[in-house]
Amino acid sequence: MKLQIVEEPHIAFYQNALHVDIRAGLSSFGAFDKGSPSVPTPIRIGVIGTTATVDGVRDWLERCKNGVPSEEEKLKALRPSFPGMTQQIFGTSLELSDANTRAITRHELSAALQEKEPLLHIVEVFMNHAKDLASKSGLHVLVVAPPAEVFALGDSPATIDPPWMKCSSLLLSKRQRLRQV
């Protein structure tokens, strides 16, 4: 048996600078497409979920915006900090306004959970809110943040095509640039 060492591939960053670590490369050089006209400024984000999950996403984005420190104490070069979502690093910023969030009410969620096929109805509730946001707000990214009880439903076998497949062409036909995260 022959062993062969495979070198770590280099990742391209701003102005084609190369590095093997994404966090170190971003900190040192910036994002590959920084300054490109195809990068929206700012990146408008929408969030759909319960009040708790929408707040959780907002809090997490705020924390990440300014960087995430490395927990490594001895070998920091092997696990550098994430530099944050800043203009200097990415050439753009994130924008999340109250107008671009939708809170699924406990009543909507409870009613959907009581249905014969609750997952289908929950997806319908989320898709209705997504269509509304897509038609009004010019979003670039839409984050769907369901509560834990929705994930528990995913353990049952699927018997139909996913309902979001029907709606994706409708959303995109409105020329909304939505990215599922």
Protein backbone atom coordinates (compact mmCIF):
# COMPACT_ATOMS: atom_id res chain seq x y z
CA MET A 1 0.00 0.00 0.00
CA LYS A 2 1.29 3.45 -0.90
CA LEU A 3 0.40 6.49 1.13
CA GLN A 4 0.25 9.84 -0.51
CA ILE A 5 -0.04 13.23 1.14
CA VAL A 6 -2.58 15.41 -0.60
CA GLU A 7 -1.92 19.11 -0.20
CA GLU A 8 -4.80 21.18 1.02
CA PRO A 9 -6.39 23.08 -1.87
CA HIS A 10 -6.09 26.85 -1.98
CA ILE A 11 -9.19 29.01 -1.91
CA ALA A 12 -9.33 32.18 -3.99
CA PHE A 13 -10.10 35.47 -2.26
CA TYR A 14 -10.26 39.13 -3.27
CA GLN A 15 -7.99 39.96 -6.22
CA ASN A 16 -7.21 36.24 -6.61
CA ALA A 17 -5.20 36.04 -3.39
CA LEU A 18 -4.94 32.42 -2.21
CA HIS A 19 -5.11 30.77 1.20
CA VAL A 20 -5.95 27.30 2.52
CA ASP A 21 -8.17 28.52 5.38
CA ILE A 22 -11.40 30.34 4.65
CA ARG A 23 -11.44 32.41 7.85
CA ALA A 24 -7.80 33.42 7.59
CA GLY A 25 -8.23 34.19 3.88
CA LEU A 26 -11.28 36.36 4.53
CA SER A 27 -9.48 38.23 7.32
CA SER A 28 -6.36 38.78 5.25
CA PHE A 29 -7.78 39.46 1.79
CA GLY A 30 -11.59 39.75 1.80
CA ALA A 31 -14.25 37.87 -0.15
CA PHE A 32 -13.51 36.86 -3.74
CA ASP A 33 -16.36 38.90 -5.22
CA LYS A 34 -15.95 41.98 -2.99
CA GLY A 35 -16.69 45.05 -5.06
CA SER A 36 -18.39 43.09 -7.84
CA PRO A 37 -21.49 44.75 -9.31
CA SER A 38 -23.30 41.42 -8.95
CA VAL A 39 -23.09 41.62 -5.14
CA PRO A 40 -26.13 43.45 -3.78
CA THR A 41 -25.46 46.33 -1.41
CA PRO A 42 -26.90 45.81 1.13
CA ILE A 43 -28.00 42.17 1.13
CA ARG A 44 -31.63 42.30 2.23
CA ILE A 45 -32.61 39.37 4.44
CA GLY A 46 -36.11 38.21 5.31
CA VAL A 47 -36.98 35.85 8.15
CA ILE A 48 -40.11 33.77 8.67
CA GLY A 49 -40.72 31.88 11.91
CA THR A 50 -42.29 32.19 15.32
CA THR A 51 -41.48 35.26 17.37
CA ALA A 52 -38.86 33.25 19.27
CA THR A 53 -37.16 31.81 16.17
CA VAL A 54 -37.19 35.14 14.30
CA ASP A 55 -35.61 36.80 17.33
CA GLY A 56 -33.09 33.97 17.55
CA VAL A 57 -32.03 34.43 13.91
CA ARG A 58 -31.78 38.20 14.36
CA ASP A 59 -29.64 37.83 17.48
CA TRP A 60 -27.37 35.28 15.78
CA LEU A 61 -26.90 37.50 12.70
CA GLU A 62 -26.07 40.48 14.91
CA ARG A 63 -23.47 38.46 16.81
CA CYS A 64 -21.90 37.14 13.59
CA LYS A 65 -21.91 40.54 11.90
CA ASN A 66 -19.08 41.73 14.12
CA GLY A 67 -17.07 38.51 14.06
CA VAL A 68 -16.94 35.24 15.95
CA PRO A 69 -13.86 34.73 18.12
CA SER A 70 -11.98 31.47 17.94
CA GLU A 71 -12.20 29.26 20.99
CA GLU A 72 -8.71 27.94 20.26
CA GLU A 73 -6.20 29.18 22.80
CA LYS A 74 -2.91 27.53 21.81
CA LEU A 75 -2.99 27.10 18.01
CA LYS A 76 -4.91 30.18 16.89
CA ALA A 77 -3.41 29.99 13.38
CA LEU A 78 -5.13 26.63 12.90
CA ARG A 79 -8.52 27.93 14.02
CA PRO A 80 -8.68 31.68 13.42
CA SER A 81 -11.65 33.82 14.32
CA PHE A 82 -14.38 34.56 11.77
CA PRO A 83 -13.84 38.22 10.81
CA GLY A 84 -17.52 39.13 10.62
CA MET A 85 -19.89 40.24 7.90
CA THR A 86 -18.42 43.69 7.36
CA GLN A 87 -18.11 46.09 4.45
CA GLN A 88 -14.33 45.79 4.65
CA ILE A 89 -14.36 41.97 4.29
CA PHE A 90 -17.33 41.35 1.98
CA GLY A 91 -17.87 44.70 0.29
CA THR A 92 -21.49 44.72 1.43
CA SER A 93 -23.58 44.51 4.57
CA LEU A 94 -26.63 42.66 5.83
CA GLU A 95 -29.96 44.41 6.23
CA LEU A 96 -32.73 42.87 8.28
CA SER A 97 -35.63 45.16 9.03
CA ASP A 98 -38.89 44.53 10.87
CA ALA A 99 -40.70 44.97 7.55
CA ASN A 100 -38.84 41.93 6.21
CA THR A 101 -39.84 39.55 8.98
CA ARG A 102 -43.00 37.53 9.43
CA ALA A 103 -43.96 35.90 12.70
CA ILE A 104 -46.08 32.77 12.50
CA THR A 105 -48.59 33.07 15.32
CA ARG A 106 -49.07 30.35 17.91
CA HIS A 107 -52.66 30.10 16.64
CA GLU A 108 -51.49 29.45 13.03
CA LEU A 109 -48.96 26.89 14.21
CA SER A 110 -51.38 25.12 16.59
CA ALA A 111 -54.08 24.94 13.92
CA ALA A 112 -51.65 23.45 11.39
CA LEU A 113 -50.36 20.92 13.93
CA GLN A 114 -53.94 19.72 14.52
CA GLU A 115 -54.51 18.90 10.84
CA LYS A 116 -54.47 15.34 9.46
CA GLU A 117 -51.22 16.09 7.58
CA PRO A 118 -49.68 18.79 9.78
CA LEU A 119 -46.41 19.13 7.87
CA LEU A 120 -48.25 19.96 4.65
CA HIS A 121 -50.27 22.66 6.41
CA ILE A 122 -47.24 24.11 8.20
CA VAL A 123 -45.37 24.38 4.89
CA GLU A 124 -48.43 26.11 3.43
CA VAL A 125 -48.45 28.65 6.29
CA PHE A 126 -44.74 29.38 5.79
CA MET A 127 -45.12 29.58 2.00
CA ASN A 128 -47.99 32.06 2.28
CA HIS A 129 -45.79 34.33 4.36
CA ALA A 130 -42.89 33.79 1.93
CA LYS A 131 -45.04 34.79 -1.06
CA ASP A 132 -46.14 37.92 0.76
CA LEU A 133 -42.56 38.90 1.59
CA ALA A 134 -41.35 38.11 -1.94
CA SER A 135 -44.00 40.27 -3.53
CA LYS A 136 -43.28 43.34 -1.40
CA SER A 137 -39.72 43.55 -0.25
CA GLY A 138 -37.02 42.88 -2.84
CA LEU A 139 -35.26 40.30 -0.67
CA HIS A 140 -32.01 38.63 -1.63
CA VAL A 141 -32.11 35.92 1.07
CA LEU A 142 -35.06 34.36 2.87
CA VAL A 143 -34.39 32.47 6.10
CA VAL A 144 -37.09 30.06 7.23
CA ALA A 145 -36.81 29.43 10.96
CA PRO A 146 -39.41 26.90 12.10
CA PRO A 147 -39.73 25.99 15.79
CA ALA A 148 -38.53 22.67 17.20
CA GLU A 149 -41.96 21.04 17.09
CA VAL A 150 -41.95 21.33 13.29
CA PHE A 151 -38.67 19.40 13.03
CA ALA A 152 -40.18 16.57 15.06
CA LEU A 153 -42.74 16.08 12.27
CA GLY A 154 -39.95 15.33 9.80
CA ASP A 155 -39.53 11.88 11.35
CA SER A 156 -42.67 10.62 9.59
CA PRO A 157 -42.36 9.22 6.04
CA ALA A 158 -43.21 11.59 3.20
CA THR A 159 -46.15 10.45 1.09
CA ILE A 160 -46.40 13.39 -1.32
CA ASP A 161 -44.14 15.69 -3.29
CA PRO A 162 -42.80 18.52 -1.13
CA PRO A 163 -45.30 21.41 -1.25
CA TRP A 164 -42.57 24.05 -1.62
CA MET A 165 -41.79 22.63 -5.08
CA LYS A 166 -45.10 24.04 -6.35
CA CYS A 167 -44.37 27.49 -5.01
CA SER A 168 -40.76 27.90 -6.08
CA SER A 169 -41.63 28.75 -9.67
CA LEU A 170 -44.23 31.26 -8.49
CA LEU A 171 -41.70 33.00 -6.24
CA LEU A 172 -39.00 33.09 -8.91
CA SER A 173 -41.43 34.23 -11.60
CA LYS A 174 -41.80 37.47 -9.64
CA ARG A 175 -38.07 37.98 -10.35
CA GLN A 176 -37.29 37.79 -6.68
CA ARG A 177 -33.77 36.60 -5.98
CA LEU A 178 -34.51 34.31 -3.07
CA ARG A 179 -31.91 31.94 -1.77
CA GLN A 180 -33.08 29.13 0.51
CA VAL A 181 -30.86 28.86 3.51
